Amino acid sequence: DRVGYFMELRKNDGSLQWTWAAMDAFTDDLSKLGVPTLESGAQFQKPVGNLTVLSNVESLAAGEGLSGNLEFWSMNYGPANSGRVAGASPGIWDIGDEPTGSGAGYGSMQIHHTAAKQTIFAVNNWRSGPNADLGIGNSSTDKRASDWTFSNNASQYEAGRLRILIRRGKP
């Protein structure tokens, strides 16, 4: 009945950033909770309820009972707000984007705090290894994207870990 994501990113200078995002379960298929590869068939562009956010990143708004949304898919995507996410811009990659095409493309695994217009964490373009996009909070590195798209920054981290935890609901 609940799923949580705990991301840790250790920068090359040794500093550690982390965030926790837990929400009401958005699927009962455990194979679709991880990185949304083409093989997993995971594709979610949807709101999530009862979001809890904790983090050591000061700019990230923490709290409980928050509104959130997911952008999980393996294909390419553009900035258009096809999911009609409140407050999303149709001109930049942010909390509301549009999956395009089919197959294995750039890829997006993002959880957002909708009301705050913040990306809680992002893992994009994972097939690019050291050029993947990773981040906690909103990115300020590229004016085209607040969701870490095009940041190509994975090599700035000496280590990263994403843990997924589930709570089984009552039968």
Protein backbone atom coordinates (compact mmCIF):
# COMPACT_ATOMS: atom_id res chain seq x y z
CA ASP A 1 0.00 0.00 0.00
CA ARG A 2 3.10 2.30 0.19
CA VAL A 3 6.27 2.60 -1.83
CA GLY A 4 9.33 4.61 -0.89
CA TYR A 5 12.45 5.67 -2.75
CA PHE A 6 15.66 6.58 -0.94
CA MET A 7 18.34 8.17 -3.12
CA GLU A 8 21.88 8.91 -1.98
CA LEU A 9 24.43 10.76 -4.12
CA ARG A 10 28.03 11.18 -2.95
CA LYS A 11 29.83 13.89 -4.90
CA ASN A 12 33.46 13.53 -5.91
CA ASP A 13 34.37 15.98 -3.11
CA GLY A 14 32.86 13.53 -0.57
CA SER A 15 29.73 15.51 0.26
CA LEU A 16 26.54 13.47 0.51
CA GLN A 17 23.03 14.40 -0.63
CA TRP A 18 20.01 12.23 0.12
CA THR A 19 16.25 12.26 -0.19
CA TRP A 20 13.35 10.03 0.81
CA ALA A 21 10.05 10.08 -1.09
CA ALA A 22 7.26 7.75 0.04
CA MET A 23 3.75 7.63 -1.39
CA ASP A 24 0.63 5.55 -1.74
CA ALA A 25 1.34 2.63 -4.05
CA PHE A 26 0.82 3.54 -7.71
CA THR A 27 1.01 -0.06 -8.99
CA ASP A 28 0.75 -3.53 -7.51
CA ASP A 29 3.30 -4.89 -10.01
CA LEU A 30 6.66 -4.98 -8.20
CA SER A 31 8.56 -5.30 -11.49
CA LYS A 32 7.44 -1.77 -12.43
CA LEU A 33 8.78 0.03 -9.33
CA GLY A 34 12.43 0.25 -10.42
CA VAL A 35 14.17 2.07 -13.24
CA PRO A 36 11.58 2.06 -16.05
CA THR A 37 13.41 0.07 -18.69
CA LEU A 38 11.81 -1.03 -21.93
CA GLU A 39 11.97 -4.61 -20.63
CA SER A 40 10.04 -3.76 -17.43
CA GLY A 41 7.25 -2.11 -19.41
CA ALA A 42 6.92 0.52 -16.68
CA GLN A 43 5.39 3.75 -17.89
CA PHE A 44 3.78 6.15 -15.45
CA GLN A 45 2.77 9.75 -15.86
CA LYS A 46 0.41 10.22 -13.00
CA PRO A 47 -0.28 11.94 -9.72
CA VAL A 48 0.57 10.17 -6.48
CA GLY A 49 -1.08 10.68 -3.12
CA ASN A 50 0.00 11.06 0.46
CA LEU A 51 3.59 11.97 -0.47
CA THR A 52 6.21 12.25 2.28
CA VAL A 53 9.49 14.00 1.47
CA LEU A 54 12.61 14.16 3.66
CA SER A 55 16.04 15.34 2.56
CA ASN A 56 19.30 16.95 3.62
CA VAL A 57 19.12 19.22 0.54
CA GLU A 58 17.97 22.52 2.06
CA SER A 59 16.22 23.79 -1.05
CA LEU A 60 13.95 20.73 -1.22
CA ALA A 61 10.57 21.26 0.47
CA ALA A 62 9.96 18.50 3.01
CA GLY A 63 6.66 17.44 4.51
CA GLU A 64 3.89 14.87 4.74
CA GLY A 65 0.58 14.52 2.92
CA LEU A 66 1.95 16.37 -0.11
CA SER A 67 0.80 16.22 -3.72
CA GLY A 68 3.17 14.59 -6.15
CA ASN A 69 3.53 13.17 -9.62
CA LEU A 70 5.63 10.59 -11.41
CA GLU A 71 7.34 10.65 -14.78
CA PHE A 72 8.63 7.09 -15.31
CA TRP A 73 9.27 5.86 -18.86
CA SER A 74 12.01 4.43 -21.07
CA MET A 75 11.31 6.50 -24.20
CA ASN A 76 12.24 10.02 -25.24
CA TYR A 77 10.31 13.03 -23.95
CA GLY A 78 9.73 16.68 -24.60
CA PRO A 79 8.78 19.67 -22.45
CA ALA A 80 5.08 19.86 -23.42
CA ASN A 81 2.83 19.40 -20.39
CA SER A 82 0.76 16.55 -21.82
CA GLY A 83 -0.13 15.25 -18.35
CA ARG A 84 -1.66 18.63 -17.46
CA VAL A 85 0.41 18.88 -14.28
CA ALA A 86 -0.56 22.03 -12.37
CA GLY A 87 2.20 24.65 -12.56
CA ALA A 88 4.30 22.83 -15.16
CA SER A 89 5.78 24.83 -18.01
CA PRO A 90 5.14 23.74 -21.60
CA GLY A 91 8.49 25.24 -22.61
CA ILE A 92 11.04 23.62 -20.28
CA TRP A 93 11.67 20.09 -19.03
CA ASP A 94 10.25 20.18 -15.51
CA ILE A 95 7.53 18.59 -13.35
CA GLY A 96 5.27 17.95 -16.36
CA ASP A 97 6.71 16.58 -19.58
CA GLU A 98 5.47 14.54 -22.54
CA PRO A 99 6.70 11.04 -23.36
CA THR A 100 7.26 10.67 -27.11
CA GLY A 101 7.87 7.78 -29.44
CA SER A 102 8.28 4.23 -28.30
CA GLY A 103 11.11 1.92 -27.43
CA ALA A 104 14.25 2.64 -25.50
CA GLY A 105 15.04 6.35 -25.68
CA TYR A 106 16.46 8.95 -23.31
CA GLY A 107 14.44 7.68 -20.33
CA SER A 108 12.99 9.41 -17.28
CA MET A 109 12.62 8.29 -13.67
CA GLN A 110 11.45 11.37 -11.83
CA ILE A 111 9.36 12.01 -8.73
CA HIS A 112 8.04 15.54 -8.22
CA HIS A 113 6.48 17.55 -5.42
CA THR A 114 3.82 19.14 -7.59
CA ALA A 115 2.68 22.05 -5.41
CA ALA A 116 6.29 23.16 -4.79
CA LYS A 117 7.18 22.70 -8.50
CA GLN A 118 10.18 20.65 -7.44
CA THR A 119 11.88 17.53 -8.68
CA ILE A 120 12.49 15.36 -5.62
CA PHE A 121 14.93 13.20 -7.53
CA ALA A 122 15.71 12.34 -11.13
CA VAL A 123 17.53 9.54 -12.91
CA ASN A 124 17.48 10.23 -16.66
CA ASN A 125 19.39 8.87 -19.64
CA TRP A 126 20.70 5.96 -17.52
CA ARG A 127 22.03 4.11 -20.56
CA SER A 128 24.74 6.79 -20.86
CA GLY A 129 26.67 5.69 -17.77
CA PRO A 130 28.90 8.59 -16.63
CA ASN A 131 26.86 10.95 -18.83
CA ALA A 132 23.51 10.04 -17.23
CA ASP A 133 21.49 12.77 -15.52
CA LEU A 134 21.23 12.53 -11.72
CA GLY A 135 19.89 14.99 -9.20
CA ILE A 136 18.03 15.77 -6.03
CA GLY A 137 15.91 18.92 -5.95
CA ASN A 138 15.66 21.23 -8.94
CA SER A 139 18.60 21.62 -11.28
CA SER A 140 19.97 25.10 -11.87
CA THR A 141 22.62 24.00 -14.38
CA ASP A 142 20.52 24.34 -17.55
CA LYS A 143 17.79 26.93 -18.18
CA ARG A 144 16.03 24.42 -20.47
CA ALA A 145 15.45 21.90 -17.66
CA SER A 146 14.78 22.01 -13.93
CA ASP A 147 14.41 18.18 -13.81
CA TRP A 148 18.10 17.41 -14.57
CA THR A 149 17.39 16.52 -18.23
CA PHE A 150 20.55 17.19 -20.30
CA SER A 151 22.74 17.67 -17.21
CA ASN A 152 25.01 14.73 -18.20
CA ASN A 153 26.43 14.91 -14.67
CA ALA A 154 26.70 11.35 -13.31
CA SER A 155 30.50 11.55 -13.46
CA GLN A 156 30.35 14.27 -10.75
CA TYR A 157 29.42 11.55 -8.25
CA GLU A 158 31.78 8.93 -6.86
CA ALA A 159 28.81 6.86 -5.71
CA GLY A 160 25.06 6.75 -5.89
CA ARG A 161 22.41 4.43 -4.58
CA LEU A 162 18.68 4.17 -5.09
CA ARG A 163 16.77 1.96 -2.68
CA ILE A 164 13.14 1.04 -3.17
CA LEU A 165 11.10 -0.05 -0.17
CA ILE A 166 7.55 -1.32 -0.12
CA ARG A 167 5.00 -1.76 2.63
CA ARG A 168 2.58 -4.57 2.13
CA GLY A 169 -0.99 -3.54 2.76
CA LYS A 170 -3.48 -5.51 4.76
CA PRO A 171 -4.92 -8.46 2.83
